[in-house]
């Protein structure tokens, strides 16, 4: 019995020394918060202009929701209509490996119609292949009593 115990213990020790467990480290995506913020600003600007180049900024499986409705094409963001332009009031980017999320307050203005709308959006971006893509965006218009 002792001999069996020693044999098993020796086998376990040899196996433990020979087997090496490695945990792959997550590949850090190339990017900075400024690059992510530029992507989001471009997405909002192109969306307001109705520019189809905005489509290239989104992943094919991206989910876009504006004012509780799924949006499949421009205008994607709440409060934005065709024409006019968007300005960014505030934006914060959190970058964590291959993911980034952005909180942005924006204002859409149409000079000739004398209209303006305020909105707030959360976007999630993911490093896919060789570039950042928007994989989720959720926006809503600010309520009249919100700043």
N, C-alpha and C. Protein backbone atom coordinates (compact mmCIF):
# COMPACT_ATOMS: atom_id res chain seq x y z
N UNK A 1 0.82 -1.20 0.00
CA UNK A 1 0.00 0.00 0.00
C UNK A 1 0.87 1.26 0.00
N UNK A 2 1.92 1.24 0.82
CA UNK A 2 2.83 2.38 0.87
C UNK A 2 3.52 2.54 -0.47
N UNK A 3 3.91 1.43 -1.07
CA UNK A 3 4.58 1.48 -2.36
C UNK A 3 3.65 2.09 -3.41
N UNK A 4 2.37 1.75 -3.42
CA UNK A 4 1.39 2.31 -4.35
C UNK A 4 1.23 3.81 -4.12
N UNK A 5 1.19 4.20 -2.86
CA UNK A 5 1.06 5.62 -2.51
C UNK A 5 2.25 6.41 -3.03
N UNK A 6 3.46 5.90 -2.84
CA UNK A 6 4.68 6.56 -3.30
C UNK A 6 4.69 6.64 -4.82
N UNK A 7 4.26 5.57 -5.48
CA UNK A 7 4.23 5.55 -6.94
C UNK A 7 3.25 6.60 -7.47
N UNK A 8 2.07 6.69 -6.89
CA UNK A 8 1.07 7.67 -7.32
C UNK A 8 1.57 9.08 -7.05
N UNK A 9 2.14 9.30 -5.87
CA UNK A 9 2.66 10.62 -5.50
C UNK A 9 3.77 11.05 -6.45
N UNK A 10 4.65 10.11 -6.81
CA UNK A 10 5.75 10.41 -7.74
C UNK A 10 5.19 10.74 -9.12
N UNK A 11 4.22 10.00 -9.58
CA UNK A 11 3.60 10.26 -10.89
C UNK A 11 2.94 11.63 -10.92
N UNK A 12 2.26 11.99 -9.84
CA UNK A 12 1.62 13.30 -9.78
C UNK A 12 2.66 14.41 -9.79
N UNK A 13 3.74 14.23 -9.04
CA UNK A 13 4.79 15.24 -8.98
C UNK A 13 5.47 15.43 -10.34
N UNK A 14 5.76 14.31 -11.01
CA UNK A 14 6.40 14.38 -12.33
C UNK A 14 5.47 15.04 -13.33
N UNK A 15 4.20 14.68 -13.30
CA UNK A 15 3.23 15.27 -14.21
C UNK A 15 3.08 16.75 -13.94
N UNK A 16 3.06 17.14 -12.70
CA UNK A 16 2.90 18.55 -12.34
C UNK A 16 4.08 19.37 -12.84
N UNK A 17 5.27 18.79 -12.77
CA UNK A 17 6.45 19.51 -13.23
C UNK A 17 6.52 19.56 -14.75
N UNK A 18 6.07 18.48 -15.39
CA UNK A 18 6.16 18.41 -16.85
C UNK A 18 5.06 19.21 -17.53
N UNK A 19 3.88 19.23 -16.94
CA UNK A 19 2.76 19.95 -17.55
C UNK A 19 2.82 21.40 -17.12
N UNK A 20 2.69 22.25 -18.06
CA UNK A 20 2.73 23.68 -17.75
C UNK A 20 1.47 24.33 -18.28
N UNK A 21 0.72 24.91 -17.40
CA UNK A 21 -0.51 25.57 -17.81
C UNK A 21 -0.20 27.03 -18.08
N UNK A 22 -0.57 27.47 -19.26
CA UNK A 22 -0.40 28.88 -19.59
C UNK A 22 -1.76 29.48 -19.87
N UNK A 23 -1.94 30.66 -19.40
CA UNK A 23 -3.19 31.37 -19.64
C UNK A 23 -2.89 32.45 -20.66
N UNK A 24 -3.52 32.35 -21.85
CA UNK A 24 -3.22 33.36 -22.88
C UNK A 24 -3.66 34.74 -22.43
N UNK A 25 -2.79 35.69 -22.62
CA UNK A 25 -3.14 37.07 -22.30
C UNK A 25 -3.97 37.65 -23.42
N UNK A 26 -4.91 38.48 -23.05
CA UNK A 26 -5.76 39.12 -24.06
C UNK A 26 -4.91 40.06 -24.90
N UNK A 27 -5.09 39.96 -26.18
CA UNK A 27 -4.36 40.84 -27.09
C UNK A 27 -4.95 42.23 -26.97
N UNK A 28 -4.13 43.16 -26.59
CA UNK A 28 -4.61 44.54 -26.44
C UNK A 28 -4.83 45.14 -27.82
N UNK A 29 -5.95 45.76 -27.99
CA UNK A 29 -6.26 46.40 -29.27
C UNK A 29 -5.46 47.68 -29.40
N UNK A 30 -5.13 47.99 -30.62
CA UNK A 30 -4.44 49.24 -30.87
C UNK A 30 -5.47 50.35 -30.86
N UNK A 31 -5.34 51.27 -29.96
CA UNK A 31 -6.31 52.35 -29.92
C UNK A 31 -6.15 53.21 -28.68
N UNK A 32 -6.65 54.41 -28.79
CA UNK A 32 -6.63 55.34 -27.67
C UNK A 32 -8.03 55.92 -27.51
N UNK A 33 -8.32 56.46 -26.34
CA UNK A 33 -9.63 57.10 -26.17
C UNK A 33 -9.90 58.19 -27.22
N UNK A 34 -8.87 58.90 -27.65
CA UNK A 34 -9.06 59.94 -28.67
C UNK A 34 -9.52 59.34 -29.99
N UNK A 35 -8.96 58.18 -30.36
CA UNK A 35 -9.38 57.53 -31.60
C UNK A 35 -10.84 57.07 -31.53
N UNK A 36 -11.23 56.57 -30.39
CA UNK A 36 -12.62 56.12 -30.20
C UNK A 36 -13.55 57.32 -30.26
N UNK A 37 -13.16 58.41 -29.61
CA UNK A 37 -13.99 59.61 -29.62
C UNK A 37 -14.13 60.16 -31.04
N UNK A 38 -13.06 60.09 -31.81
CA UNK A 38 -13.11 60.54 -33.21
C UNK A 38 -14.09 59.67 -34.01
N UNK A 39 -14.08 58.37 -33.78
CA UNK A 39 -15.02 57.46 -34.45
C UNK A 39 -16.46 57.84 -34.13
N UNK A 40 -16.75 58.10 -32.87
CA UNK A 40 -18.11 58.44 -32.46
C UNK A 40 -18.54 59.79 -33.02
N UNK A 41 -17.65 60.77 -32.99
CA UNK A 41 -17.97 62.09 -33.56
C UNK A 41 -18.27 61.96 -35.06
N UNK A 42 -17.49 61.15 -35.75
CA UNK A 42 -17.70 60.95 -37.18
C UNK A 42 -19.04 60.26 -37.42
N UNK A 43 -19.35 59.26 -36.60
CA UNK A 43 -20.63 58.55 -36.75
C UNK A 43 -21.81 59.51 -36.60
N UNK A 44 -21.76 60.38 -35.61
CA UNK A 44 -22.85 61.34 -35.40
C UNK A 44 -22.92 62.37 -36.53
N UNK A 45 -21.78 62.87 -36.96
CA UNK A 45 -21.75 63.87 -38.03
C UNK A 45 -22.26 63.31 -39.35
N UNK A 46 -21.78 62.13 -39.72
CA UNK A 46 -22.22 61.52 -40.97
C UNK A 46 -23.70 61.14 -40.91
N UNK A 47 -24.16 60.73 -39.72
CA UNK A 47 -25.57 60.38 -39.55
C UNK A 47 -26.45 61.60 -39.79
N UNK A 48 -26.08 62.73 -39.23
CA UNK A 48 -26.86 63.96 -39.40
C UNK A 48 -26.88 64.41 -40.85
N UNK A 49 -25.79 64.15 -41.56
CA UNK A 49 -25.71 64.54 -42.97
C UNK A 49 -26.39 63.52 -43.89
N UNK A 50 -26.79 62.38 -43.34
CA UNK A 50 -27.38 61.33 -44.17
C UNK A 50 -26.36 60.68 -45.09
N UNK A 51 -25.09 60.75 -44.71
CA UNK A 51 -23.99 60.24 -45.52
C UNK A 51 -23.86 58.72 -45.34
N UNK A 52 -23.90 57.97 -46.43
CA UNK A 52 -23.83 56.50 -46.38
C UNK A 52 -22.48 55.98 -45.90
N UNK A 53 -21.46 56.83 -45.89
CA UNK A 53 -20.16 56.39 -45.38
C UNK A 53 -20.24 56.02 -43.91
N UNK A 54 -21.27 56.48 -43.22
CA UNK A 54 -21.46 56.13 -41.81
C UNK A 54 -21.62 54.63 -41.65
N UNK A 55 -22.17 53.95 -42.65
CA UNK A 55 -22.39 52.50 -42.58
C UNK A 55 -21.10 51.74 -42.32
N UNK A 56 -19.98 52.24 -42.81
CA UNK A 56 -18.70 51.55 -42.66
C UNK A 56 -18.18 51.59 -41.23
N UNK A 57 -18.74 52.44 -40.39
CA UNK A 57 -18.28 52.57 -39.01
C UNK A 57 -18.91 51.54 -38.08
N UNK A 58 -19.92 50.85 -38.57
CA UNK A 58 -20.68 49.90 -37.75
C UNK A 58 -20.34 48.46 -38.14
N UNK A 59 -20.35 47.57 -37.16
CA UNK A 59 -20.20 46.14 -37.44
C UNK A 59 -21.47 45.66 -38.14
N UNK A 60 -21.36 44.66 -38.99
CA UNK A 60 -22.55 44.16 -39.69
C UNK A 60 -23.67 43.71 -38.75
N UNK A 61 -23.31 43.25 -37.56
CA UNK A 61 -24.29 42.78 -36.60
C UNK A 61 -24.61 43.81 -35.51
N UNK A 62 -24.30 45.06 -35.77
CA UNK A 62 -24.52 46.12 -34.77
C UNK A 62 -26.01 46.30 -34.47
N UNK A 63 -26.30 46.60 -33.22
CA UNK A 63 -27.67 46.90 -32.79
C UNK A 63 -27.73 48.39 -32.47
N UNK A 64 -28.58 49.11 -33.19
CA UNK A 64 -28.73 50.55 -33.01
C UNK A 64 -30.15 50.83 -32.54
N UNK A 65 -30.28 51.50 -31.43
CA UNK A 65 -31.60 51.82 -30.87
C UNK A 65 -31.65 53.32 -30.61
N UNK A 66 -32.68 53.96 -31.13
CA UNK A 66 -32.90 55.39 -30.91
C UNK A 66 -34.31 55.62 -30.43
N UNK A 67 -34.47 56.24 -29.28
CA UNK A 67 -35.80 56.46 -28.69
C UNK A 67 -36.63 55.17 -28.67
N UNK A 68 -36.00 54.10 -28.18
CA UNK A 68 -36.65 52.79 -27.99
C UNK A 68 -37.07 52.08 -29.28
N UNK A 69 -36.51 52.50 -30.41
CA UNK A 69 -36.81 51.84 -31.69
C UNK A 69 -35.51 51.44 -32.38
N UNK A 70 -35.50 50.24 -32.90
CA UNK A 70 -34.33 49.78 -33.64
C UNK A 70 -34.20 50.60 -34.91
N UNK A 71 -33.00 51.07 -35.17
CA UNK A 71 -32.73 51.89 -36.36
C UNK A 71 -31.82 51.10 -37.29
N UNK A 72 -32.21 50.98 -38.53
CA UNK A 72 -31.44 50.22 -39.50
C UNK A 72 -30.66 51.11 -40.45
N UNK A 73 -31.00 52.38 -40.50
CA UNK A 73 -30.31 53.31 -41.40
C UNK A 73 -30.42 54.72 -40.81
N UNK A 74 -29.75 55.66 -41.44
CA UNK A 74 -29.79 57.05 -40.98
C UNK A 74 -31.20 57.61 -41.08
N UNK A 75 -31.62 58.43 -40.16
CA UNK A 75 -30.88 58.83 -38.96
C UNK A 75 -30.96 57.76 -37.88
N UNK A 76 -29.81 57.42 -37.35
CA UNK A 76 -29.72 56.37 -36.35
C UNK A 76 -29.92 56.91 -34.93
N UNK A 77 -29.59 58.15 -34.72
CA UNK A 77 -29.58 58.70 -33.36
C UNK A 77 -30.85 59.49 -33.05
N UNK A 78 -31.30 59.37 -31.82
CA UNK A 78 -32.52 60.04 -31.37
C UNK A 78 -32.40 61.56 -31.52
N UNK A 79 -33.45 62.16 -32.03
CA UNK A 79 -33.48 63.61 -32.19
C UNK A 79 -32.83 64.12 -33.46
N UNK A 80 -32.16 63.26 -34.18
CA UNK A 80 -31.48 63.67 -35.41
C UNK A 80 -32.41 63.42 -36.59
N UNK A 81 -32.54 64.41 -37.45
CA UNK A 81 -33.31 64.28 -38.68
C UNK A 81 -32.39 64.58 -39.85
N UNK A 82 -32.87 64.31 -41.05
CA UNK A 82 -32.06 64.55 -42.24
C UNK A 82 -31.70 66.02 -42.34
N UNK A 83 -30.46 66.27 -42.67
CA UNK A 83 -29.97 67.64 -42.76
C UNK A 83 -29.52 68.12 -41.39
N UNK A 84 -29.04 69.31 -41.33
CA UNK A 84 -28.56 69.85 -40.06
C UNK A 84 -27.19 69.31 -39.71
N UNK A 85 -26.76 69.64 -38.52
CA UNK A 85 -25.46 69.17 -38.08
C UNK A 85 -25.49 68.87 -36.59
N UNK A 86 -24.54 68.08 -36.17
CA UNK A 86 -24.45 67.66 -34.78
C UNK A 86 -23.21 68.27 -34.14
N UNK A 87 -23.37 68.74 -32.91
CA UNK A 87 -22.23 69.15 -32.11
C UNK A 87 -22.21 68.29 -30.85
N UNK A 88 -21.02 68.03 -30.36
CA UNK A 88 -20.85 67.21 -29.17
C UNK A 88 -20.67 68.14 -27.97
N UNK A 89 -21.53 67.95 -26.98
CA UNK A 89 -21.43 68.76 -25.76
C UNK A 89 -20.44 68.14 -24.79
N UNK A 90 -20.48 66.83 -24.65
CA UNK A 90 -19.57 66.12 -23.73
C UNK A 90 -19.45 64.68 -24.19
N UNK A 91 -18.27 64.11 -23.96
CA UNK A 91 -18.06 62.70 -24.30
C UNK A 91 -17.02 62.12 -23.36
N UNK A 92 -17.28 60.92 -22.89
CA UNK A 92 -16.30 60.20 -22.08
C UNK A 92 -16.10 58.82 -22.68
N UNK A 93 -14.85 58.40 -22.74
CA UNK A 93 -14.50 57.12 -23.33
C UNK A 93 -13.84 56.26 -22.26
N UNK A 94 -14.28 55.03 -22.17
CA UNK A 94 -13.62 54.05 -21.31
C UNK A 94 -13.13 52.93 -22.22
N UNK A 95 -11.84 52.68 -22.17
CA UNK A 95 -11.20 51.71 -23.05
C UNK A 95 -10.67 50.56 -22.21
N UNK A 96 -11.08 49.36 -22.54
CA UNK A 96 -10.67 48.17 -21.79
C UNK A 96 -10.37 47.05 -22.78
N UNK A 97 -9.11 46.91 -23.14
CA UNK A 97 -8.73 45.85 -24.08
C UNK A 97 -9.35 46.05 -25.44
N UNK A 98 -10.15 45.07 -25.88
CA UNK A 98 -10.77 45.09 -27.20
C UNK A 98 -12.11 45.81 -27.23
N UNK A 99 -12.55 46.32 -26.07
CA UNK A 99 -13.84 47.01 -26.00
C UNK A 99 -13.67 48.44 -25.51
N UNK A 100 -14.55 49.28 -25.99
CA UNK A 100 -14.59 50.67 -25.52
C UNK A 100 -16.05 51.07 -25.45
N UNK A 101 -16.41 51.85 -24.46
CA UNK A 101 -17.76 52.39 -24.42
C UNK A 101 -17.68 53.88 -24.23
N UNK A 102 -18.63 54.54 -24.86
CA UNK A 102 -18.62 55.99 -24.93
C UNK A 102 -19.98 56.51 -24.48
N UNK A 103 -19.95 57.48 -23.60
CA UNK A 103 -21.16 58.22 -23.22
C UNK A 103 -21.03 59.59 -23.86
N UNK A 104 -22.03 60.00 -24.61
CA UNK A 104 -21.93 61.26 -25.34
C UNK A 104 -23.24 62.04 -25.25
N UNK A 105 -23.12 63.32 -24.98
CA UNK A 105 -24.24 64.26 -25.06
C UNK A 105 -24.05 65.05 -26.33
N UNK A 106 -25.09 65.13 -27.14
CA UNK A 106 -24.97 65.82 -28.42
C UNK A 106 -26.17 66.73 -28.64
N UNK A 107 -26.01 67.60 -29.62
CA UNK A 107 -27.10 68.52 -29.99
C UNK A 107 -27.17 68.54 -31.50
N UNK A 108 -28.37 68.30 -32.04
CA UNK A 108 -28.60 68.37 -33.47
C UNK A 108 -29.29 69.69 -33.75
N UNK A 109 -28.80 70.41 -34.78
CA UNK A 109 -29.39 71.70 -35.14
C UNK A 109 -29.62 71.78 -36.65
N UNK A 110 -30.75 72.35 -37.01
CA UNK A 110 -31.06 72.58 -38.41
C UNK A 110 -31.32 74.09 -38.54
N UNK A 111 -30.36 74.79 -39.15
CA UNK A 111 -30.42 76.25 -39.23
C UNK A 111 -31.65 76.77 -39.97
N UNK A 112 -31.91 76.21 -41.15
CA UNK A 112 -33.01 76.76 -41.95
C UNK A 112 -34.37 76.49 -41.34
N UNK A 113 -34.52 75.36 -40.67
CA UNK A 113 -35.80 75.05 -40.02
C UNK A 113 -35.89 75.61 -38.60
N UNK A 114 -34.77 76.17 -38.13
CA UNK A 114 -34.68 76.72 -36.77
C UNK A 114 -35.13 75.69 -35.73
N UNK A 115 -34.57 74.50 -35.87
CA UNK A 115 -34.88 73.42 -34.94
C UNK A 115 -33.60 72.93 -34.28
N UNK A 116 -33.76 72.50 -33.04
CA UNK A 116 -32.63 71.91 -32.32
C UNK A 116 -33.16 70.83 -31.38
N UNK A 117 -32.41 69.77 -31.25
CA UNK A 117 -32.77 68.66 -30.37
C UNK A 117 -31.52 68.23 -29.61
N UNK A 118 -31.71 67.88 -28.36
CA UNK A 118 -30.59 67.38 -27.56
C UNK A 118 -30.76 65.88 -27.38
N UNK A 119 -29.65 65.17 -27.35
CA UNK A 119 -29.69 63.73 -27.19
C UNK A 119 -28.52 63.22 -26.37
N UNK A 120 -28.68 62.03 -25.90
CA UNK A 120 -27.63 61.36 -25.12
C UNK A 120 -27.52 59.94 -25.66
N UNK A 121 -26.28 59.46 -25.82
CA UNK A 121 -26.08 58.13 -26.39
C UNK A 121 -24.99 57.38 -25.65
N UNK A 122 -25.14 56.08 -25.65
CA UNK A 122 -24.11 55.17 -25.17
C UNK A 122 -23.74 54.29 -26.37
N UNK A 123 -22.47 54.24 -26.67
CA UNK A 123 -22.00 53.41 -27.78
C UNK A 123 -20.96 52.43 -27.26
N UNK A 124 -21.02 51.22 -27.78
CA UNK A 124 -20.01 50.22 -27.46
C UNK A 124 -19.27 49.92 -28.75
N UNK A 125 -17.95 50.03 -28.67
CA UNK A 125 -17.11 49.79 -29.83
C UNK A 125 -16.22 48.58 -29.54
N UNK A 126 -15.90 47.84 -30.60
CA UNK A 126 -15.07 46.65 -30.45
C UNK A 126 -13.99 46.65 -31.52
N UNK A 127 -12.79 46.25 -31.13
CA UNK A 127 -11.69 46.11 -32.08
C UNK A 127 -11.96 44.84 -32.88
N UNK A 128 -12.21 45.00 -34.17
CA UNK A 128 -12.51 43.86 -35.04
C UNK A 128 -11.54 43.87 -36.20
N UNK A 129 -10.68 42.87 -36.22
CA UNK A 129 -9.71 42.77 -37.30
C UNK A 129 -8.66 43.85 -37.18
N UNK A 130 -8.80 44.88 -37.97
CA UNK A 130 -7.78 45.94 -37.97
C UNK A 130 -8.37 47.32 -37.69
N UNK A 131 -9.61 47.36 -37.21
CA UNK A 131 -10.20 48.68 -36.93
C UNK A 131 -11.28 48.57 -35.86
N UNK A 132 -11.64 49.71 -35.32
CA UNK A 132 -12.72 49.80 -34.34
C UNK A 132 -14.05 49.87 -35.08
N UNK A 133 -15.03 49.14 -34.58
CA UNK A 133 -16.38 49.16 -35.15
C UNK A 133 -17.37 49.41 -34.02
N UNK A 134 -18.42 50.13 -34.33
CA UNK A 134 -19.51 50.33 -33.37
C UNK A 134 -20.36 49.06 -33.41
N UNK A 135 -20.53 48.43 -32.26
CA UNK A 135 -21.33 47.20 -32.20
C UNK A 135 -22.68 47.43 -31.52
N UNK A 136 -22.79 48.53 -30.80
CA UNK A 136 -24.07 48.85 -30.17
C UNK A 136 -24.14 50.36 -29.94
N UNK A 137 -25.29 50.92 -30.19
CA UNK A 137 -25.54 52.33 -29.89
C UNK A 137 -26.97 52.46 -29.40
N UNK A 138 -27.12 53.16 -28.32
CA UNK A 138 -28.45 53.41 -27.76
C UNK A 138 -28.54 54.89 -27.45
N UNK A 139 -29.52 55.56 -28.03
CA UNK A 139 -29.65 57.00 -27.82
C UNK A 139 -31.09 57.36 -27.49
N UNK A 140 -31.23 58.48 -26.82
CA UNK A 140 -32.57 59.00 -26.53
C UNK A 140 -32.48 60.51 -26.39
N UNK A 141 -33.59 61.13 -26.65
CA UNK A 141 -33.66 62.58 -26.50
C UNK A 141 -33.80 62.91 -25.02
N UNK A 142 -33.24 64.03 -24.66
CA UNK A 142 -33.32 64.47 -23.28
C UNK A 142 -34.73 64.96 -22.99
N UNK A 143 -35.19 64.71 -21.80
CA UNK A 143 -36.50 65.21 -21.39
C UNK A 143 -36.40 66.70 -21.13
N UNK A 144 -37.51 67.42 -21.28
CA UNK A 144 -37.46 68.89 -21.15
C UNK A 144 -36.88 69.39 -19.84
N UNK A 145 -37.01 68.64 -18.76
CA UNK A 145 -36.52 69.12 -17.47
C UNK A 145 -35.08 68.69 -17.20
N UNK A 146 -34.44 67.95 -18.12
CA UNK A 146 -33.06 67.56 -17.93
C UNK A 146 -32.15 68.66 -18.50
N UNK A 147 -30.98 68.79 -17.91
CA UNK A 147 -30.04 69.82 -18.40
C UNK A 147 -29.47 69.50 -19.75
